[in-house]
Amino acid sequence: MNLRKTIASLLGGAELNFLLTNRIPRRALTLLMGRFSKIENPLLCRASIAVWRLFADLDLHDAKKARFSSLHDCFTRELRDGARTVDPDPRVLASPCDAILGAHGRVAGTRLIQAKGHGYTLEELLLDPDLVEAHRDGSYATLRLKSSMYHRFHAPDDCVVERVDYVAGDTWNVNPPALERVEKLYCRNERAVIGARLARSGDRLTLVPVAAVLVASIRLHFADVLLHLRYRGPNRIACDAQLVRGQEMGWFEHGSTIIVFAPRGYAVCADLDQGSAIRMGQPLLRLA
């Protein structure tokens, strides 16, 4: 058994994993990690990536560049040209990111599933009555970005981003052990609610990037601010950004979660199950 598998087996217990990644000074460590990751030193960067590989299946073969100036540079890496193919089917909403598919399905009125035994509501997550009504009885998909994954996210279809609502919050881990233990975790954590409309139909499309422990910075190309734990407003940022399918929207500083809310009539593609790995551009939701 190699070293990474040995470490994974030692930390693999759900209770231990939860304690080590949540019963810590989450906010302070997240701010510290943000500063540390941006130190530009070749030796420190290579050493940090080597340690990272001990804990995660980090694969950089599809990165645009082979050398990085800092850990942050590696976290937010771009892909080489042609590394992803975006599905062109107009009846499909493409996955905005590389991820593991989590809870998904039909919104029951305004109630969704976080994990087995835990739910939350649109009202608690979106904090906006208009968006709640727009997605009542609609469809949703939860996409978890592992720390080793590509961290940029893209438009699922041609759309117009109308606004971004920033919601300050905590930085709980968003991995399965935490989702099974912390009620309404997504509603507690820092997040951005990206409100858009599909270009063809005008229907609402909403993406909710959720920050997590060590991951509390979100950069959006159409909002000229860095959303992070020390951001003080405005909480609503008006936008008028016209995006084409697959166009980059922004990135997480590390890995986290994106919840995608689709209009009524869409459903998660039949070949996807909870736990399925999906890559940016692959079909995620299909119009029935």
C-alpha atoms as a PDB file:
ATOM      1  CA  MET A   1       0.000   0.000   0.000  1.00  0.00           C
ATOM      2  CA  ASN A   2       1.479   3.355  -1.000  1.00  0.00           C
ATOM      3  CA  LEU A   3       1.770   6.304   1.374  1.00  0.00           C
ATOM      4  CA  ARG A   4      -1.271   8.153   0.030  1.00  0.00           C
ATOM      5  CA  LYS A   5      -3.489   5.086   0.486  1.00  0.00           C
ATOM      6  CA  THR A   6      -2.089   4.576   3.982  1.00  0.00           C
ATOM      7  CA  ILE A   7      -2.924   8.152   4.973  1.00  0.00           C
ATOM      8  CA  ALA A   8      -6.360   7.837   3.380  1.00  0.00           C
ATOM      9  CA  SER A   9      -7.082   4.665   5.347  1.00  0.00           C
ATOM     10  CA  LEU A  10      -6.003   6.293   8.611  1.00  0.00           C
ATOM     11  CA  LEU A  11      -8.188   9.346   8.006  1.00  0.00           C
ATOM     12  CA  GLY A  12     -10.949   7.483   6.217  1.00  0.00           C
ATOM     13  CA  GLY A  13     -13.176   7.002   9.232  1.00  0.00           C
ATOM     14  CA  ALA A  14     -16.116   9.353   8.866  1.00  0.00           C
ATOM     15  CA  GLU A  15     -16.088  10.499  12.485  1.00  0.00           C
ATOM     16  CA  LEU A  16     -12.330  11.171  12.510  1.00  0.00           C
ATOM     17  CA  ASN A  17     -12.538  12.926   9.154  1.00  0.00           C
ATOM     18  CA  PHE A  18     -15.320  15.151  10.449  1.00  0.00           C
ATOM     19  CA  LEU A  19     -13.431  16.045  13.627  1.00  0.00           C
ATOM     20  CA  LEU A  20     -10.162  16.836  11.828  1.00  0.00           C
ATOM     21  CA  THR A  21     -11.785  19.030   9.168  1.00  0.00           C
ATOM     22  CA  ASN A  22     -14.518  20.744  11.174  1.00  0.00           C
ATOM     23  CA  ARG A  23     -13.721  20.856  14.907  1.00  0.00           C
ATOM     24  CA  ILE A  24     -10.971  23.359  14.210  1.00  0.00           C
ATOM     25  CA  PRO A  25     -10.843  27.185  14.027  1.00  0.00           C
ATOM     26  CA  ARG A  26     -12.341  27.066  10.520  1.00  0.00           C
ATOM     27  CA  ARG A  27     -12.411  30.781   9.768  1.00  0.00           C
ATOM     28  CA  ALA A  28      -8.883  31.488  11.032  1.00  0.00           C
ATOM     29  CA  LEU A  29      -7.381  28.518   9.176  1.00  0.00           C
ATOM     30  CA  THR A  30      -9.236  29.458   5.998  1.00  0.00           C
ATOM     31  CA  LEU A  31      -7.824  33.003   6.096  1.00  0.00           C
ATOM     32  CA  LEU A  32      -4.352  31.632   6.890  1.00  0.00           C
ATOM     33  CA  MET A  33      -4.539  29.157   4.016  1.00  0.00           C
ATOM     34  CA  GLY A  34      -5.551  31.947   1.665  1.00  0.00           C
ATOM     35  CA  ARG A  35      -2.422  33.917   2.546  1.00  0.00           C
ATOM     36  CA  PHE A  36      -0.107  30.898   2.544  1.00  0.00           C
ATOM     37  CA  SER A  37      -1.289  29.636  -0.850  1.00  0.00           C
ATOM     38  CA  LYS A  38      -0.342  32.919  -2.539  1.00  0.00           C
ATOM     39  CA  ILE A  39       3.302  32.921  -1.420  1.00  0.00           C
ATOM     40  CA  GLU A  40       5.361  32.840  -4.610  1.00  0.00           C
ATOM     41  CA  ASN A  41       8.370  30.642  -3.952  1.00  0.00           C
ATOM     42  CA  PRO A  42       9.290  27.766  -6.331  1.00  0.00           C
ATOM     43  CA  LEU A  43      10.645  25.455  -3.614  1.00  0.00           C
ATOM     44  CA  LEU A  44       7.683  26.063  -1.289  1.00  0.00           C
ATOM     45  CA  CYS A  45       5.263  25.575  -4.167  1.00  0.00           C
ATOM     46  CA  ARG A  46       6.788  22.247  -5.231  1.00  0.00           C
ATOM     47  CA  ALA A  47       6.899  21.016  -1.626  1.00  0.00           C
ATOM     48  CA  SER A  48       3.267  22.037  -1.043  1.00  0.00           C
ATOM     49  CA  ILE A  49       2.115  20.232  -4.185  1.00  0.00           C
ATOM     50  CA  ALA A  50       4.057  17.135  -3.117  1.00  0.00           C
ATOM     51  CA  VAL A  51       2.310  17.137   0.274  1.00  0.00           C
ATOM     52  CA  TRP A  52      -1.023  17.745  -1.465  1.00  0.00           C
ATOM     53  CA  ARG A  53      -0.471  14.617  -3.580  1.00  0.00           C
ATOM     54  CA  LEU A  54      -0.176  12.556  -0.373  1.00  0.00           C
ATOM     55  CA  PHE A  55      -3.785  13.403   0.522  1.00  0.00           C
ATOM     56  CA  ALA A  56      -5.437  13.622  -2.891  1.00  0.00           C
ATOM     57  CA  ASP A  57      -5.363  12.087  -6.368  1.00  0.00           C
ATOM     58  CA  LEU A  58      -3.980  15.264  -7.928  1.00  0.00           C
ATOM     59  CA  ASP A  59      -3.561  14.961 -11.698  1.00  0.00           C
ATOM     60  CA  LEU A  60      -2.105  17.931 -13.574  1.00  0.00           C
ATOM     61  CA  HIS A  61      -1.694  16.352 -17.002  1.00  0.00           C
ATOM     62  CA  ASP A  62      -4.430  18.505 -18.563  1.00  0.00           C
ATOM     63  CA  ALA A  63      -3.235  21.808 -17.061  1.00  0.00           C
ATOM     64  CA  LYS A  64      -2.231  24.565 -19.476  1.00  0.00           C
ATOM     65  CA  LYS A  65       1.188  24.946 -17.835  1.00  0.00           C
ATOM     66  CA  ALA A  66       3.527  22.522 -16.107  1.00  0.00           C
ATOM     67  CA  ARG A  67       5.081  24.883 -13.543  1.00  0.00           C
ATOM     68  CA  PHE A  68       3.280  27.054 -11.029  1.00  0.00           C
ATOM     69  CA  SER A  69       4.379  30.156  -9.157  1.00  0.00           C
ATOM     70  CA  SER A  70       2.410  29.323  -5.989  1.00  0.00           C
ATOM     71  CA  LEU A  71      -0.034  26.843  -4.521  1.00  0.00           C
ATOM     72  CA  HIS A  72      -2.817  29.294  -5.415  1.00  0.00           C
ATOM     73  CA  ASP A  73      -1.602  29.287  -9.023  1.00  0.00           C
ATOM     74  CA  CYS A  74      -1.951  25.498  -9.081  1.00  0.00           C
ATOM     75  CA  PHE A  75      -5.373  25.514  -7.386  1.00  0.00           C
ATOM     76  CA  THR A  76      -6.778  27.962  -9.928  1.00  0.00           C
ATOM     77  CA  ARG A  77      -5.038  26.439 -12.957  1.00  0.00           C
ATOM     78  CA  GLU A  78      -6.442  26.721 -16.435  1.00  0.00           C
ATOM     79  CA  LEU A  79      -6.845  23.730 -18.742  1.00  0.00           C
ATOM     80  CA  ARG A  80      -4.922  23.224 -21.941  1.00  0.00           C
ATOM     81  CA  ASP A  81      -6.891  23.819 -25.130  1.00  0.00           C
ATOM     82  CA  GLY A  82      -9.095  20.861 -26.035  1.00  0.00           C
ATOM     83  CA  ALA A  83      -8.953  19.269 -22.572  1.00  0.00           C
ATOM     84  CA  ARG A  84     -12.762  19.414 -22.271  1.00  0.00           C
ATOM     85  CA  THR A  85     -15.545  19.068 -24.836  1.00  0.00           C
ATOM     86  CA  VAL A  86     -18.773  20.995 -24.242  1.00  0.00           C
ATOM     87  CA  ASP A  87     -21.923  19.131 -25.344  1.00  0.00           C
ATOM     88  CA  PRO A  88     -23.698  21.248 -28.001  1.00  0.00           C
ATOM     89  CA  ASP A  89     -27.190  19.700 -27.655  1.00  0.00           C
ATOM     90  CA  PRO A  90     -29.615  22.618 -27.051  1.00  0.00           C
ATOM     91  CA  ARG A  91     -31.817  20.359 -24.903  1.00  0.00           C
ATOM     92  CA  VAL A  92     -28.940  19.752 -22.488  1.00  0.00           C
ATOM     93  CA  LEU A  93     -27.493  21.846 -19.683  1.00  0.00           C
ATOM     94  CA  ALA A  94     -23.801  21.008 -19.514  1.00  0.00           C
ATOM     95  CA  SER A  95     -21.985  20.482 -16.244  1.00  0.00           C
ATOM     96  CA  PRO A  96     -20.366  23.775 -15.216  1.00  0.00           C
ATOM     97  CA  CYS A  97     -17.395  22.015 -13.603  1.00  0.00           C
ATOM     98  CA  ASP A  98     -15.523  18.816 -12.910  1.00  0.00           C
ATOM     99  CA  ALA A  99     -17.264  17.252  -9.932  1.00  0.00           C
ATOM    100  CA  ILE A 100     -18.828  14.343  -8.106  1.00  0.00           C
ATOM    101  CA  LEU A 101     -22.619  14.328  -8.393  1.00  0.00           C
ATOM    102  CA  GLY A 102     -24.281  14.580  -5.001  1.00  0.00           C
ATOM    103  CA  ALA A 103     -27.953  14.910  -4.064  1.00  0.00           C
ATOM    104  CA  HIS A 104     -30.130  15.716  -7.078  1.00  0.00           C
ATOM    105  CA  GLY A 105     -33.619  15.387  -8.465  1.00  0.00           C
ATOM    106  CA  ARG A 106     -36.886  17.285  -8.299  1.00  0.00           C
ATOM    107  CA  VAL A 107     -37.433  20.058  -5.766  1.00  0.00           C
ATOM    108  CA  ALA A 108     -40.423  18.970  -3.655  1.00  0.00           C
ATOM    109  CA  GLY A 109     -42.204  22.293  -3.515  1.00  0.00           C
ATOM    110  CA  THR A 110     -39.280  24.205  -2.031  1.00  0.00           C
ATOM    111  CA  ARG A 111     -37.591  21.331  -0.193  1.00  0.00           C
ATOM    112  CA  LEU A 112     -34.333  19.673  -1.320  1.00  0.00           C
ATOM    113  CA  ILE A 113     -32.074  16.915  -0.047  1.00  0.00           C
ATOM    114  CA  GLN A 114     -28.625  17.699   1.353  1.00  0.00           C
ATOM    115  CA  ALA A 115     -27.721  14.148   2.342  1.00  0.00           C
ATOM    116  CA  LYS A 116     -29.509  11.133   3.731  1.00  0.00           C
ATOM    117  CA  GLY A 117     -31.626  12.279   6.652  1.00  0.00           C
ATOM    118  CA  HIS A 118     -31.000  15.999   6.067  1.00  0.00           C
ATOM    119  CA  GLY A 119     -32.889  18.491   3.961  1.00  0.00           C
ATOM    120  CA  TYR A 120     -33.128  22.237   3.455  1.00  0.00           C
ATOM    121  CA  THR A 121     -35.327  24.671   1.580  1.00  0.00           C
ATOM    122  CA  LEU A 122     -34.987  27.100  -1.290  1.00  0.00           C
ATOM    123  CA  GLU A 123     -35.982  29.892   1.079  1.00  0.00           C
ATOM    124  CA  GLU A 124     -33.044  29.121   3.379  1.00  0.00           C
ATOM    125  CA  LEU A 125     -30.489  28.792   0.596  1.00  0.00           C
ATOM    126  CA  LEU A 126     -31.486  31.484  -1.911  1.00  0.00           C
ATOM    127  CA  LEU A 127     -32.956  34.100   0.471  1.00  0.00           C
ATOM    128  CA  ASP A 128     -34.965  35.611  -2.392  1.00  0.00           C
ATOM    129  CA  PRO A 129     -38.735  35.079  -2.866  1.00  0.00           C
ATOM    130  CA  ASP A 130     -38.585  35.559  -6.654  1.00  0.00           C
ATOM    131  CA  LEU A 131     -35.910  32.913  -7.104  1.00  0.00           C
ATOM    132  CA  VAL A 132     -37.735  30.582  -4.729  1.00  0.00           C
ATOM    133  CA  GLU A 133     -40.867  30.767  -6.874  1.00  0.00           C
ATOM    134  CA  ALA A 134     -38.866  30.419 -10.074  1.00  0.00           C
ATOM    135  CA  HIS A 135     -37.400  27.110  -8.883  1.00  0.00           C
ATOM    136  CA  ARG A 136     -40.380  25.735  -6.988  1.00  0.00           C
ATOM    137  CA  ASP A 137     -40.903  22.133  -8.184  1.00  0.00           C
ATOM    138  CA  GLY A 138     -37.933  22.512 -10.526  1.00  0.00           C
ATOM    139  CA  SER A 139     -34.816  20.364 -10.754  1.00  0.00           C
ATOM    140  CA  TYR A 140     -31.455  20.597  -9.041  1.00  0.00           C
ATOM    141  CA  ALA A 141     -28.061  18.933  -9.029  1.00  0.00           C
ATOM    142  CA  THR A 142     -25.363  19.197  -6.360  1.00  0.00           C
ATOM    143  CA  LEU A 143     -21.808  19.105  -7.697  1.00  0.00           C
ATOM    144  CA  ARG A 144     -18.931  18.562  -5.250  1.00  0.00           C
ATOM    145  CA  LEU A 145     -15.478  19.623  -6.418  1.00  0.00           C
ATOM    146  CA  LYS A 146     -12.783  17.559  -4.741  1.00  0.00           C
ATOM    147  CA  SER A 147      -9.655  19.445  -3.703  1.00  0.00           C
ATOM    148  CA  SER A 148      -7.628  17.815  -6.489  1.00  0.00           C
ATOM    149  CA  MET A 149     -10.040  18.761  -9.271  1.00  0.00           C
ATOM    150  CA  TYR A 150     -10.020  21.585 -11.801  1.00  0.00           C
ATOM    151  CA  HIS A 151     -11.560  24.517  -9.900  1.00  0.00           C
ATOM    152  CA  ARG A 152     -12.919  26.798 -12.611  1.00  0.00           C
ATOM    153  CA  PHE A 153     -16.587  26.741 -13.563  1.00  0.00           C
ATOM    154  CA  HIS A 154     -18.377  27.553 -16.783  1.00  0.00           C
ATOM    155  CA  ALA A 155     -21.782  28.493 -18.204  1.00  0.00           C
ATOM    156  CA  PRO A 156     -24.046  25.418 -18.625  1.00  0.00           C
ATOM    157  CA  ASP A 157     -25.720  27.050 -21.647  1.00  0.00           C
ATOM    158  CA  ASP A 158     -26.046  30.368 -23.453  1.00  0.00           C
ATOM    159  CA  CYS A 159     -27.361  32.699 -20.774  1.00  0.00           C
ATOM    160  CA  VAL A 160     -27.444  36.217 -19.374  1.00  0.00           C
ATOM    161  CA  VAL A 161     -26.240  36.680 -15.799  1.00  0.00           C
ATOM    162  CA  GLU A 162     -28.422  39.369 -14.221  1.00  0.00           C
ATOM    163  CA  ARG A 163     -27.087  39.527 -10.682  1.00  0.00           C
ATOM    164  CA  VAL A 164     -24.994  37.960  -7.964  1.00  0.00           C
ATOM    165  CA  ASP A 165     -26.123  37.821  -4.336  1.00  0.00           C
ATOM    166  CA  TYR A 166     -23.291  37.318  -1.853  1.00  0.00           C
ATOM    167  CA  VAL A 167     -24.262  35.599   1.401  1.00  0.00           C
ATOM    168  CA  ALA A 168     -21.736  35.693   4.248  1.00  0.00           C
ATOM    169  CA  GLY A 169     -21.469  32.568   6.350  1.00  0.00           C
ATOM    170  CA  ASP A 170     -19.420  29.795   7.888  1.00  0.00           C
ATOM    171  CA  THR A 171     -16.832  27.481   6.303  1.00  0.00           C
ATOM    172  CA  TRP A 172     -17.909  23.963   7.220  1.00  0.00           C
ATOM    173  CA  ASN A 173     -16.343  21.202   5.142  1.00  0.00           C
ATOM    174  CA  VAL A 174     -18.738  20.069   2.395  1.00  0.00           C
ATOM    175  CA  ASN A 175     -17.615  16.437   2.144  1.00  0.00           C
ATOM    176  CA  PRO A 176     -20.017  13.520   2.870  1.00  0.00           C
ATOM    177  CA  PRO A 177     -19.133  13.112   6.594  1.00  0.00           C
ATOM    178  CA  ALA A 178     -20.016  16.773   7.226  1.00  0.00           C
ATOM    179  CA  LEU A 179     -23.165  16.688   5.072  1.00  0.00           C
ATOM    180  CA  GLU A 180     -24.408  13.746   7.146  1.00  0.00           C
ATOM    181  CA  ARG A 181     -23.773  15.545  10.462  1.00  0.00           C
ATOM    182  CA  VAL A 182     -24.417  19.271   9.976  1.00  0.00           C
ATOM    183  CA  GLU A 183     -28.017  20.222   9.279  1.00  0.00           C
ATOM    184  CA  LYS A 184     -28.612  22.776   6.505  1.00  0.00           C
ATOM    185  CA  LEU A 185     -24.883  23.030   5.901  1.00  0.00           C
ATOM    186  CA  TYR A 186     -25.149  24.764   2.518  1.00  0.00           C
ATOM    187  CA  CYS A 187     -27.418  27.377   4.079  1.00  0.00           C
ATOM    188  CA  ARG A 188     -24.854  28.056   6.820  1.00  0.00           C
ATOM    189  CA  ASN A 189     -21.805  28.439   4.589  1.00  0.00           C
ATOM    190  CA  GLU A 190     -20.583  31.444   2.636  1.00  0.00           C
ATOM    191  CA  ARG A 191     -21.990  31.382  -0.888  1.00  0.00           C
ATOM    192  CA  ALA A 192     -22.803  33.329  -4.029  1.00  0.00           C
ATOM    193  CA  VAL A 193     -26.217  33.065  -5.692  1.00  0.00           C
ATOM    194  CA  ILE A 194     -25.727  33.633  -9.429  1.00  0.00           C
ATOM    195  CA  GLY A 195     -29.044  34.537 -11.056  1.00  0.00           C
ATOM    196  CA  ALA A 196     -29.210  34.061 -14.834  1.00  0.00           C
ATOM    197  CA  ARG A 197     -31.714  33.516 -17.628  1.00  0.00           C
ATOM    198  CA  LEU A 198     -31.355  31.032 -20.472  1.00  0.00           C
ATOM    199  CA  ALA A 199     -30.871  32.875 -23.759  1.00  0.00           C
ATOM    200  CA  ARG A 200     -33.292  30.727 -25.772  1.00  0.00           C
ATOM    201  CA  SER A 201     -36.247  30.540 -23.393  1.00  0.00           C
ATOM    202  CA  GLY A 202     -35.714  33.308 -20.843  1.00  0.00           C
ATOM    203  CA  ASP A 203     -36.220  30.758 -18.048  1.00  0.00           C
ATOM    204  CA  ARG A 204     -34.311  31.109 -14.799  1.00  0.00           C
ATOM    205  CA  LEU A 205     -31.014  29.309 -14.314  1.00  0.00           C
ATOM    206  CA  THR A 206     -29.356  29.685 -10.922  1.00  0.00           C
ATOM    207  CA  LEU A 207     -25.941  28.506  -9.794  1.00  0.00           C
ATOM    208  CA  VAL A 208     -24.929  28.602  -6.143  1.00  0.00           C
ATOM    209  CA  PRO A 209     -21.177  28.207  -5.531  1.00  0.00           C
ATOM    210  CA  VAL A 210     -20.744  27.312  -1.844  1.00  0.00           C
ATOM    211  CA  ALA A 211     -17.452  27.950  -0.049  1.00  0.00           C
ATOM    212  CA  ALA A 212     -15.961  25.551   2.502  1.00  0.00           C
ATOM    213  CA  VAL A 213     -13.176  25.168   5.032  1.00  0.00           C
ATOM    214  CA  LEU A 214      -9.917  26.477   3.492  1.00  0.00           C
ATOM    215  CA  VAL A 215     -12.092  27.520   0.501  1.00  0.00           C
ATOM    216  CA  ALA A 216     -13.670  30.902   1.053  1.00  0.00           C
ATOM    217  CA  SER A 217     -12.822  32.950  -1.996  1.00  0.00           C
ATOM    218  CA  ILE A 218     -14.857  33.004  -5.200  1.00  0.00           C
ATOM    219  CA  ARG A 219     -13.796  35.008  -8.258  1.00  0.00           C
ATOM    220  CA  LEU A 220     -16.410  35.833 -10.917  1.00  0.00           C
ATOM    221  CA  HIS A 221     -15.440  37.409 -14.220  1.00  0.00           C
ATOM    222  CA  PHE A 222     -18.623  39.493 -14.387  1.00  0.00           C
ATOM    223  CA  ALA A 223     -18.347  40.890 -10.843  1.00  0.00           C
ATOM    224  CA  ASP A 224     -15.245  43.018 -10.332  1.00  0.00           C
ATOM    225  CA  VAL A 225     -14.711  41.931  -6.727  1.00  0.00           C
ATOM    226  CA  LEU A 226     -13.228  38.952  -4.922  1.00  0.00           C
ATOM    227  CA  LEU A 227     -15.924  37.388  -2.732  1.00  0.00           C
ATOM    228  CA  HIS A 228     -14.312  36.176   0.480  1.00  0.00           C
ATOM    229  CA  LEU A 229     -14.670  36.122   4.266  1.00  0.00           C
ATOM    230  CA  ARG A 230     -13.603  39.760   4.616  1.00  0.00           C
ATOM    231  CA  TYR A 231     -15.842  41.080   1.844  1.00  0.00           C
ATOM    232  CA  ARG A 232     -18.212  43.718   3.226  1.00  0.00           C
ATOM    233  CA  GLY A 233     -20.591  44.406   0.372  1.00  0.00           C
ATOM    234  CA  PRO A 234     -22.596  45.272  -1.533  1.00  0.00           C
ATOM    235  CA  ASN A 235     -24.438  42.000  -1.016  1.00  0.00           C
ATOM    236  CA  ARG A 236     -26.285  42.300  -4.331  1.00  0.00           C
ATOM    237  CA  ILE A 237     -24.201  42.977  -7.434  1.00  0.00           C
ATOM    238  CA  ALA A 238     -26.123  43.885 -10.599  1.00  0.00           C
ATOM    239  CA  CYS A 239     -24.801  42.293 -13.802  1.00  0.00           C
ATOM    240  CA  ASP A 240     -25.584  42.146 -17.498  1.00  0.00           C
ATOM    241  CA  ALA A 241     -23.166  39.484 -18.685  1.00  0.00           C
ATOM    242  CA  GLN A 242     -23.999  37.544 -21.833  1.00  0.00           C
ATOM    243  CA  LEU A 243     -22.270  34.172 -21.786  1.00  0.00           C
ATOM    244  CA  VAL A 244     -22.105  31.356 -24.289  1.00  0.00           C
ATOM    245  CA  ARG A 245     -22.224  27.690 -23.406  1.00  0.00           C
ATOM    246  CA  GLY A 246     -18.925  26.612 -21.873  1.00  0.00           C
ATOM    247  CA  GLN A 247     -17.620  30.140 -21.308  1.00  0.00           C
ATOM    248  CA  GLU A 248     -15.673  30.494 -18.081  1.00  0.00           C
ATOM    249  CA  MET A 249     -17.652  32.160 -15.284  1.00  0.00           C
ATOM    250  CA  GLY A 250     -15.059  32.154 -12.507  1.00  0.00           C
ATOM    251  CA  TRP A 251     -13.284  29.919 -10.040  1.00  0.00           C
ATOM    252  CA  PHE A 252     -12.942  28.753  -6.454  1.00  0.00           C
ATOM    253  CA  GLU A 253      -9.640  29.344  -4.741  1.00  0.00           C
ATOM    254  CA  HIS A 254      -9.732  25.640  -3.723  1.00  0.00           C
ATOM    255  CA  GLY A 255     -12.441  22.954  -4.109  1.00  0.00           C
ATOM    256  CA  SER A 256     -16.047  23.178  -2.954  1.00  0.00           C
ATOM    257  CA  THR A 257     -19.633  22.760  -4.208  1.00  0.00           C
ATOM    258  CA  ILE A 258     -21.922  24.203  -6.869  1.00  0.00           C
ATOM    259  CA  ILE A 259     -25.679  23.655  -6.718  1.00  0.00           C
ATOM    260  CA  VAL A 260     -27.359  24.033 -10.118  1.00  0.00           C
ATOM    261  CA  PHE A 261     -31.062  24.933 -10.298  1.00  0.00           C
ATOM    262  CA  ALA A 262     -32.716  24.306 -13.663  1.00  0.00           C
ATOM    263  CA  PRO A 263     -36.149  25.359 -14.955  1.00  0.00           C
ATOM    264  CA  ARG A 264     -39.109  22.979 -14.760  1.00  0.00           C
ATOM    265  CA  GLY A 265     -38.943  20.258 -17.387  1.00  0.00           C
ATOM    266  CA  TYR A 266     -35.270  19.414 -16.912  1.00  0.00           C
ATOM    267  CA  ALA A 267     -34.043  16.270 -15.170  1.00  0.00           C
ATOM    268  CA  VAL A 268     -30.603  14.921 -14.329  1.00  0.00           C
ATOM    269  CA  CYS A 269     -29.401  12.729 -17.197  1.00  0.00           C
ATOM    270  CA  ALA A 270     -30.439   9.095 -16.805  1.00  0.00           C
ATOM    271  CA  ASP A 271     -26.876   7.752 -16.943  1.00  0.00           C
ATOM    272  CA  LEU A 272     -25.834   9.761 -13.868  1.00  0.00           C
ATOM    273  CA  ASP A 273     -26.239   8.540 -10.290  1.00  0.00           C
ATOM    274  CA  GLN A 274     -25.193   9.962  -6.948  1.00  0.00           C
ATOM    275  CA  GLY A 275     -21.445   9.469  -6.708  1.00  0.00           C
ATOM    276  CA  SER A 276     -20.908   9.664 -10.471  1.00  0.00           C
ATOM    277  CA  ALA A 277     -17.888  11.627 -11.657  1.00  0.00           C
ATOM    278  CA  ILE A 278     -18.644  14.239 -14.298  1.00  0.00           C
ATOM    279  CA  ARG A 279     -16.420  16.631 -16.216  1.00  0.00           C
ATOM    280  CA  MET A 280     -17.077  20.184 -17.266  1.00  0.00           C
ATOM    281  CA  GLY A 281     -19.055  20.247 -20.502  1.00  0.00           C
ATOM    282  CA  GLN A 282     -20.625  16.802 -20.189  1.00  0.00           C
ATOM    283  CA  PRO A 283     -24.452  16.562 -20.143  1.00  0.00           C
ATOM    284  CA  LEU A 284     -25.832  17.169 -16.647  1.00  0.00           C
ATOM    285  CA  LEU A 285     -29.526  17.988 -17.049  1.00  0.00           C
ATOM    286  CA  ARG A 286     -31.736  17.210 -20.039  1.00  0.00           C
ATOM    287  CA  LEU A 287     -35.010  18.783 -21.128  1.00  0.00           C
ATOM    288  CA  ALA A 288     -37.689  16.086 -21.206  1.00  0.00           C
END
